[in-house]
Protein backbone atom coordinates (compact mmCIF):
# COMPACT_ATOMS: atom_id res chain seq x y z
CA MET A 1 0.00 0.00 0.00
CA THR A 2 0.92 3.63 -0.41
CA HIS A 3 -0.95 6.94 -0.49
CA ILE A 4 -1.88 9.56 -3.06
CA LEU A 5 -2.79 13.25 -3.04
CA ARG A 6 -5.70 14.53 -5.13
CA ASP A 7 -8.27 17.32 -5.40
CA VAL A 8 -11.87 16.45 -4.51
CA ASP A 9 -14.51 17.31 -7.10
CA LYS A 10 -17.75 17.17 -5.08
CA PRO A 11 -19.90 20.32 -5.24
CA GLY A 12 -21.68 20.85 -1.91
CA SER A 13 -19.11 18.90 0.09
CA ARG A 14 -16.80 20.58 2.61
CA ALA A 15 -13.86 18.94 0.88
CA HIS A 16 -14.82 20.32 -2.57
CA LYS A 17 -11.77 21.70 -4.41
CA LYS A 18 -9.56 20.78 -1.44
CA GLU A 19 -6.61 18.40 -1.38
CA VAL A 20 -7.12 15.02 0.31
CA VAL A 21 -4.66 12.21 1.03
CA GLN A 22 -6.05 8.71 0.50
CA ALA A 23 -4.64 5.21 1.00
CA VAL A 24 -4.31 3.10 -2.14
CA THR A 25 -3.34 -0.49 -2.93
CA VAL A 26 -0.94 -1.34 -5.75
CA LEU A 27 -1.94 -4.53 -7.62
CA GLU A 28 0.49 -5.96 -10.16
CA ALA A 29 -1.47 -7.28 -13.15
CA PRO A 30 0.47 -8.95 -15.99
CA PRO A 31 -1.61 -9.82 -19.08
CA MET A 32 -3.65 -13.05 -18.93
CA MET A 33 -3.47 -15.65 -21.71
CA VAL A 34 -6.58 -17.20 -23.31
CA VAL A 35 -6.01 -20.94 -23.81
CA GLY A 36 -9.49 -22.35 -24.39
CA MET A 37 -13.24 -22.01 -24.12
CA VAL A 38 -16.15 -23.89 -22.56
CA GLY A 39 -19.67 -24.09 -23.96
CA TYR A 40 -22.60 -24.45 -21.53
CA VAL A 41 -26.16 -25.67 -22.11
CA GLU A 42 -29.01 -24.37 -19.93
CA THR A 43 -30.89 -27.24 -18.25
CA GLY A 44 -33.59 -27.45 -15.60
CA LYS A 45 -30.88 -27.93 -12.96
CA GLY A 46 -28.69 -25.06 -14.16
CA LEU A 47 -25.80 -24.88 -16.61
CA ARG A 48 -24.17 -28.07 -17.92
CA ALA A 49 -20.80 -28.02 -19.68
CA LEU A 50 -21.25 -29.37 -23.21
CA THR A 51 -17.64 -29.28 -24.41
CA THR A 52 -14.24 -27.72 -23.76
CA ILE A 53 -12.00 -26.58 -26.63
CA TRP A 54 -8.29 -25.95 -25.95
CA ALA A 55 -5.76 -23.92 -27.92
CA GLU A 56 -3.00 -25.63 -29.89
CA HIS A 57 -0.04 -24.33 -27.88
CA LEU A 58 -0.13 -24.26 -24.07
CA ASN A 59 2.58 -22.83 -21.89
CA ASP A 60 4.32 -25.02 -19.30
CA GLU A 61 3.05 -22.79 -16.48
CA VAL A 62 -0.58 -23.71 -17.22
CA LYS A 63 0.29 -27.39 -17.83
CA ARG A 64 1.69 -27.46 -14.28
CA ARG A 65 -1.86 -26.79 -13.05
CA PHE A 66 -2.86 -30.31 -14.17
CA TYR A 67 -0.06 -32.05 -12.23
CA LYS A 68 0.55 -32.68 -8.56
CA ASN A 69 4.29 -33.14 -9.14
CA TRP A 70 5.53 -31.62 -12.40
CA TYR A 71 9.17 -32.51 -11.75
CA ARG A 72 8.55 -36.28 -11.55
CA SER A 73 5.84 -36.45 -14.24
CA LYS A 74 6.29 -37.46 -17.88
CA LYS A 75 4.78 -34.11 -18.99
CA LYS A 76 2.42 -35.79 -21.46
CA ALA A 77 -0.53 -33.43 -20.89
CA PHE A 78 -2.25 -32.32 -24.15
CA THR A 79 0.19 -34.28 -26.37
CA LYS A 80 -2.69 -36.31 -27.84
CA TYR A 81 -5.05 -33.30 -27.97
CA VAL A 82 -2.59 -31.32 -30.12
CA LYS A 83 -2.95 -33.95 -32.89
CA LYS A 84 -6.51 -32.68 -33.48
CA TYR A 85 -4.94 -29.54 -34.99
CA ALA A 86 -2.76 -31.58 -37.39
CA ASP A 87 -5.08 -32.30 -40.34
CA GLY A 88 -6.69 -28.89 -40.90
CA GLN A 89 -8.23 -29.01 -37.37
CA LYS A 90 -11.42 -30.76 -38.59
CA ASP A 91 -12.23 -32.08 -35.09
CA ILE A 92 -11.74 -28.63 -33.53
CA ASN A 93 -13.97 -26.94 -36.12
CA ALA A 94 -16.65 -29.60 -35.52
CA GLU A 95 -16.58 -28.84 -31.75
CA ILE A 96 -16.81 -25.09 -32.45
CA GLU A 97 -19.88 -25.65 -34.65
CA ARG A 98 -21.36 -27.85 -31.92
CA VAL A 99 -20.98 -25.00 -29.40
CA LYS A 100 -22.63 -22.55 -31.83
CA GLN A 101 -25.55 -24.92 -32.37
CA TYR A 102 -26.38 -26.08 -28.85
CA CYS A 103 -24.87 -23.73 -26.23
CA GLN A 104 -26.45 -20.71 -24.53
CA CYS A 105 -23.37 -19.60 -22.54
CA VAL A 106 -19.72 -19.29 -23.61
CA ARG A 107 -16.75 -18.77 -21.29
CA VAL A 108 -13.06 -18.48 -22.16
CA LEU A 109 -10.35 -20.28 -20.17
CA ALA A 110 -7.61 -17.82 -19.23
CA HIS A 111 -4.52 -18.24 -17.08
CA THR A 112 -2.16 -15.85 -15.32
CA GLN A 113 1.44 -15.43 -16.44
CA VAL A 114 2.83 -16.14 -12.99
CA ARG A 115 6.43 -16.35 -14.23
CA LYS A 116 6.37 -12.62 -14.99
CA ILE A 117 6.07 -11.72 -11.31
CA LYS A 118 8.41 -12.81 -8.53
CA VAL A 119 6.08 -14.58 -6.10
CA GLY A 120 7.97 -17.88 -5.83
CA GLN A 121 5.42 -19.81 -7.89
CA LYS A 122 5.62 -21.46 -11.32
CA LYS A 123 2.09 -22.88 -11.56
CA ALA A 124 -0.40 -20.57 -13.29
CA HIS A 125 -3.89 -19.79 -11.96
CA LEU A 126 -6.60 -20.93 -14.39
CA MET A 127 -10.13 -19.50 -14.47
CA GLU A 128 -13.21 -19.17 -16.67
CA ILE A 129 -14.31 -15.71 -17.82
CA GLN A 130 -17.76 -15.32 -19.36
CA VAL A 131 -18.13 -13.70 -22.79
CA ASN A 132 -21.12 -11.34 -23.02
CA GLY A 133 -22.66 -9.35 -25.88
CA GLY A 134 -23.84 -10.45 -29.34
CA ASP A 135 -25.31 -13.80 -30.32
CA ILE A 136 -23.76 -17.21 -29.59
CA ALA A 137 -21.94 -17.42 -32.95
CA ALA A 138 -20.32 -14.01 -32.36
CA LYS A 139 -19.27 -15.04 -28.83
CA VAL A 140 -17.70 -18.29 -30.08
CA ASP A 141 -15.87 -16.51 -32.92
CA PHE A 142 -14.58 -13.87 -30.50
CA ALA A 143 -13.39 -16.53 -28.01
CA SER A 144 -11.69 -18.70 -30.65
CA ASN A 145 -9.91 -15.66 -32.16
CA MET A 146 -8.50 -14.82 -28.71
CA PHE A 147 -6.72 -18.21 -28.38
CA GLU A 148 -3.04 -17.85 -27.37
CA LYS A 149 -3.37 -14.06 -27.18
CA PRO A 150 -2.66 -11.92 -24.09
CA ILE A 151 -5.37 -9.79 -22.50
CA PRO A 152 -3.90 -6.73 -20.73
CA VAL A 153 -5.71 -5.31 -17.73
CA ASP A 154 -6.54 -2.04 -19.53
CA ALA A 155 -8.50 -4.01 -22.15
CA VAL A 156 -11.03 -4.97 -19.45
CA PHE A 157 -10.92 -2.19 -16.84
CA ALA A 158 -10.55 1.58 -17.19
CA LYS A 159 -9.45 4.47 -14.99
CA ASP A 160 -12.16 5.96 -12.70
CA GLU A 161 -14.19 2.75 -13.05
CA MET A 162 -15.52 0.73 -10.11
CA CYS A 163 -14.68 -2.96 -9.68
CA ASP A 164 -15.35 -5.77 -7.22
CA VAL A 165 -12.40 -7.43 -5.48
CA ILE A 166 -12.56 -11.16 -4.68
CA GLY A 167 -9.92 -12.86 -2.56
CA VAL A 168 -9.03 -14.93 0.50
CA THR A 169 -8.31 -13.08 3.75
CA LYS A 170 -5.14 -13.36 5.81
CA GLY A 171 -5.18 -16.57 7.89
CA HIS A 172 -4.84 -16.51 11.70
CA GLY A 173 -5.40 -20.20 12.48
CA PHE A 174 -7.47 -21.47 15.43
CA GLU A 175 -8.45 -18.52 17.65
CA GLY A 176 -10.44 -18.09 20.85
CA VAL A 177 -13.68 -16.14 21.24
CA THR A 178 -12.03 -12.91 22.45
CA THR A 179 -9.99 -12.49 19.26
CA ARG A 180 -12.42 -14.20 16.89
CA TRP A 181 -15.66 -12.48 17.96
CA GLY A 182 -14.48 -9.55 20.11
CA CYS A 183 -16.11 -10.83 23.32
CA SER A 184 -15.27 -9.08 26.59
CA ARG A 185 -12.79 -10.74 28.91
CA LEU A 186 -14.20 -12.05 32.18
CA PRO A 187 -13.04 -10.69 35.59
CA ARG A 188 -9.48 -11.47 36.63
CA LYS A 189 -10.46 -13.96 39.38
CA THR A 190 -12.49 -16.15 37.03
CA HIS A 191 -11.88 -19.89 37.53
CA ARG A 192 -10.56 -21.85 34.52
CA GLY A 193 -9.67 -18.90 32.32
CA LEU A 194 -11.14 -15.53 31.50
CA ARG A 195 -10.97 -15.29 27.66
CA LYS A 196 -14.23 -17.21 27.39
CA VAL A 197 -17.99 -16.86 26.92
CA ALA A 198 -19.54 -17.02 30.41
CA CYS A 199 -22.86 -18.61 29.41
CA ILE A 200 -23.24 -20.44 26.09
CA GLY A 201 -27.05 -20.57 26.27
CA ALA A 202 -30.21 -21.38 28.23
CA TRP A 203 -31.30 -24.86 29.39
CA HIS A 204 -33.81 -25.00 26.53
CA PRO A 205 -33.47 -25.24 23.58
CA SER A 206 -31.07 -27.95 24.75
CA LYS A 207 -28.37 -27.23 22.20
CA VAL A 208 -25.79 -24.53 21.59
CA GLN A 209 -27.27 -21.96 19.19
CA SER A 210 -25.36 -20.97 16.06
CA THR A 211 -25.39 -17.34 17.24
CA VAL A 212 -23.22 -18.09 20.29
CA PRO A 213 -19.53 -17.14 19.82
CA ARG A 214 -17.24 -20.19 19.82
CA ALA A 215 -13.52 -20.75 19.26
CA GLY A 216 -12.42 -21.91 15.80
CA GLN A 217 -10.74 -20.97 12.53
CA ASN A 218 -10.14 -17.25 12.09
CA GLY A 219 -9.17 -15.80 8.73
CA CYS A 220 -8.40 -17.52 5.40
CA HIS A 221 -12.02 -16.84 4.42
CA HIS A 222 -13.29 -16.12 0.90
CA ARG A 223 -14.52 -12.54 0.69
CA THR A 224 -15.92 -10.21 -2.00
CA GLU A 225 -15.56 -6.47 -1.52
CA MET A 226 -17.77 -4.42 -3.83
CA ASN A 227 -17.25 -1.08 -5.54
CA LYS A 228 -13.55 -0.26 -5.32
CA LYS A 229 -12.53 2.72 -7.43
CA ILE A 230 -9.62 2.40 -9.86
CA PHE A 231 -7.48 5.53 -9.47
CA LYS A 232 -4.87 4.65 -12.08
CA ILE A 233 -3.78 1.92 -14.51
CA GLY A 234 -0.02 2.10 -14.99
CA LYS A 235 2.07 0.45 -17.71
CA GLY A 236 4.92 -1.91 -16.90
CA GLY A 237 8.39 -1.46 -18.36
CA VAL A 238 8.11 2.34 -18.19
CA GLU A 239 10.65 4.10 -15.97
CA ASN A 240 8.45 7.02 -14.87
CA ASN A 241 5.06 5.28 -14.48
CA ALA A 242 4.28 7.16 -11.23
CA THR A 243 4.82 10.68 -12.58
CA THR A 244 1.77 12.97 -12.60
CA GLU A 245 1.02 16.33 -14.25
CA PHE A 246 1.60 18.11 -10.92
CA ASP A 247 4.59 16.05 -9.68
CA LEU A 248 7.17 16.04 -12.46
CA THR A 249 9.71 13.95 -10.54
CA GLU A 250 10.64 11.05 -12.80
CA LYS A 251 9.97 8.00 -10.65
CA SER A 252 8.48 4.53 -10.94
CA ILE A 253 5.69 3.15 -8.74
CA ASN A 254 8.24 1.17 -6.70
CA PRO A 255 9.09 2.84 -3.38
CA VAL A 256 12.68 3.25 -2.22
CA GLY A 257 13.80 -0.28 -1.30
CA GLY A 258 10.78 -1.94 -2.95
CA PHE A 259 7.50 -3.05 -1.39
CA PRO A 260 8.04 -4.96 1.90
CA HIS A 261 7.46 -8.74 1.56
CA TYR A 262 6.92 -8.29 -2.18
CA GLY A 263 9.74 -6.64 -4.11
CA LEU A 264 9.51 -4.58 -7.28
CA VAL A 265 6.51 -4.06 -9.57
CA ARG A 266 7.72 -4.59 -13.16
CA GLU A 267 4.45 -5.32 -15.01
CA ASP A 268 1.22 -3.33 -15.51
CA TYR A 269 -0.36 -2.24 -12.24
CA LEU A 270 -3.63 -0.90 -10.81
CA LEU A 271 -4.07 1.69 -8.08
CA LEU A 272 -7.21 0.79 -6.10
CA LYS A 273 -8.74 3.04 -3.46
CA GLY A 274 -8.39 1.61 0.05
CA CYS A 275 -7.19 -1.83 1.06
CA VAL A 276 -7.62 -5.32 -0.42
CA VAL A 277 -8.17 -8.63 1.40
CA GLY A 278 -5.32 -11.07 1.95
CA PRO A 279 -1.54 -10.89 2.44
CA LYS A 280 1.09 -9.85 -0.10
CA LYS A 281 1.57 -12.10 -3.15
CA ARG A 282 -1.90 -13.68 -2.84
CA VAL A 283 -3.89 -13.87 -6.07
CA ILE A 284 -6.83 -11.45 -6.37
CA THR A 285 -9.79 -11.71 -8.77
CA LEU A 286 -11.26 -8.48 -10.15
CA ARG A 287 -14.67 -8.31 -11.79
CA LYS A 288 -17.01 -5.68 -13.20
CA PRO A 289 -19.52 -4.30 -10.66
CA LEU A 290 -22.85 -6.13 -10.45
CA PHE A 291 -24.95 -2.95 -10.48
CA GLU A 292 -24.90 0.18 -12.58
CA GLN A 293 -22.92 2.84 -10.73
CA THR A 294 -24.76 6.15 -10.28
CA GLN A 295 -23.25 7.42 -7.01
CA ARG A 296 -21.19 10.60 -6.99
CA ASP A 297 -18.09 8.73 -5.82
CA ALA A 298 -18.38 6.34 -8.76
CA MET A 299 -18.94 9.11 -11.33
CA GLU A 300 -16.19 11.40 -10.02
CA GLU A 301 -13.19 11.88 -12.29
CA VAL A 302 -9.97 11.51 -10.31
CA THR A 303 -6.86 13.55 -11.11
CA LEU A 304 -3.86 12.38 -9.11
CA LYS A 305 -1.49 15.12 -7.99
CA PHE A 306 1.09 12.99 -6.19
CA ILE A 307 1.85 9.29 -5.64
CA ASP A 308 4.04 8.55 -2.64
CA THR A 309 7.12 6.40 -3.36
CA SER A 310 9.05 6.93 -0.13
CA SER A 311 10.37 3.87 1.68
CA LYS A 312 7.68 1.67 3.25
CA PHE A 313 10.24 0.11 5.57
CA GLY A 314 10.54 2.82 8.21
CA HIS A 315 10.08 6.58 8.20
CA GLY A 316 10.51 7.22 4.47
CA ARG A 317 11.73 10.74 3.70
CA PHE A 318 12.90 10.49 0.11
CA GLN A 319 10.84 9.82 -3.01
CA THR A 320 13.74 8.42 -5.06
CA LEU A 321 17.24 7.03 -4.47
CA GLU A 322 18.73 9.97 -6.38
CA GLU A 323 17.02 12.40 -3.98
CA LYS A 324 18.39 10.42 -1.01
CA ASP A 325 21.94 10.37 -2.37
CA LYS A 326 21.79 14.09 -3.12
CA PHE A 327 20.69 14.90 0.44
CA MET A 328 22.83 12.40 2.38
CA GLY A 329 26.03 12.86 0.39
CA MET A 330 28.88 10.35 0.68
CA ARG A 331 28.28 7.63 3.25
CA LYS A 332 30.52 5.09 4.98
CA LYS A 333 29.57 2.13 2.82
CA LYS A 334 30.16 4.21 -0.34
CA ILE A 335 33.60 5.32 0.92
CA ALA A 336 34.49 1.73 1.89
CA ALA A 337 33.56 0.52 -1.60
């Protein structure tokens, strides 16, 4: 996380045309690769997958997803499937026509390029993304044309747009009621412990109700946070991707010394307002908002004046290493070298 400075554009508000500092989260988002599609048929019991069509060339990082132990395996995944593309891909075209004829829902299979970011993982995350708009034939043609092509984050989301954030919260293991539910501690002289619930219910009903706080797993829960505003979409591989119109200092989004427990952001990134569930390096799913956004916060156009890149590992004073060297001058370790 870091913080930004911006002007508020809210007529009638006390903060209108005033500068505010807000916390933001930096999410690194390398392009995703489309490697297949799934056609679904609507039945009385819900959707049923009719067929899955895969691309001809799959990267090793997505093939790892189909193995428990990649190192000891024979790495034979999709070797027989690729032969369907050999003779003018007749079988593949037949499956595509089958999807156009019978299916009511089309989703593409896309995976993350996890090798592009340094999170200590080689196995890609694979997910289905629904294709909307147009008739079924247009959806299938669009999906099949996207095979083996990257989808950058700015092709799906835009600046000043709202999005929903889906993730898994930070795990805390087995916790007692005081930490897990915020119950009051009992008096000091209490027999057999004081971080407890004093009475777990009446005689009847003769069972413990689900509303009574109990000890158990805390954290590592799946959560969806709705309506997070995208302040900025930055491009990777650009040296000054944190420079604004008001702050002309040439600097990247990486703070001095990098992000703690993460490192450097080298790919495309998003600046989201506020915080995001989960620890560093955990995968996050972003989706379009479920409802049409008409609130003033959602419609407001954000102009960033300043993005903080001082060190997040202590009391950061300098925005760049050059600024630090200029102020501090020659230091012992430089002289020794």
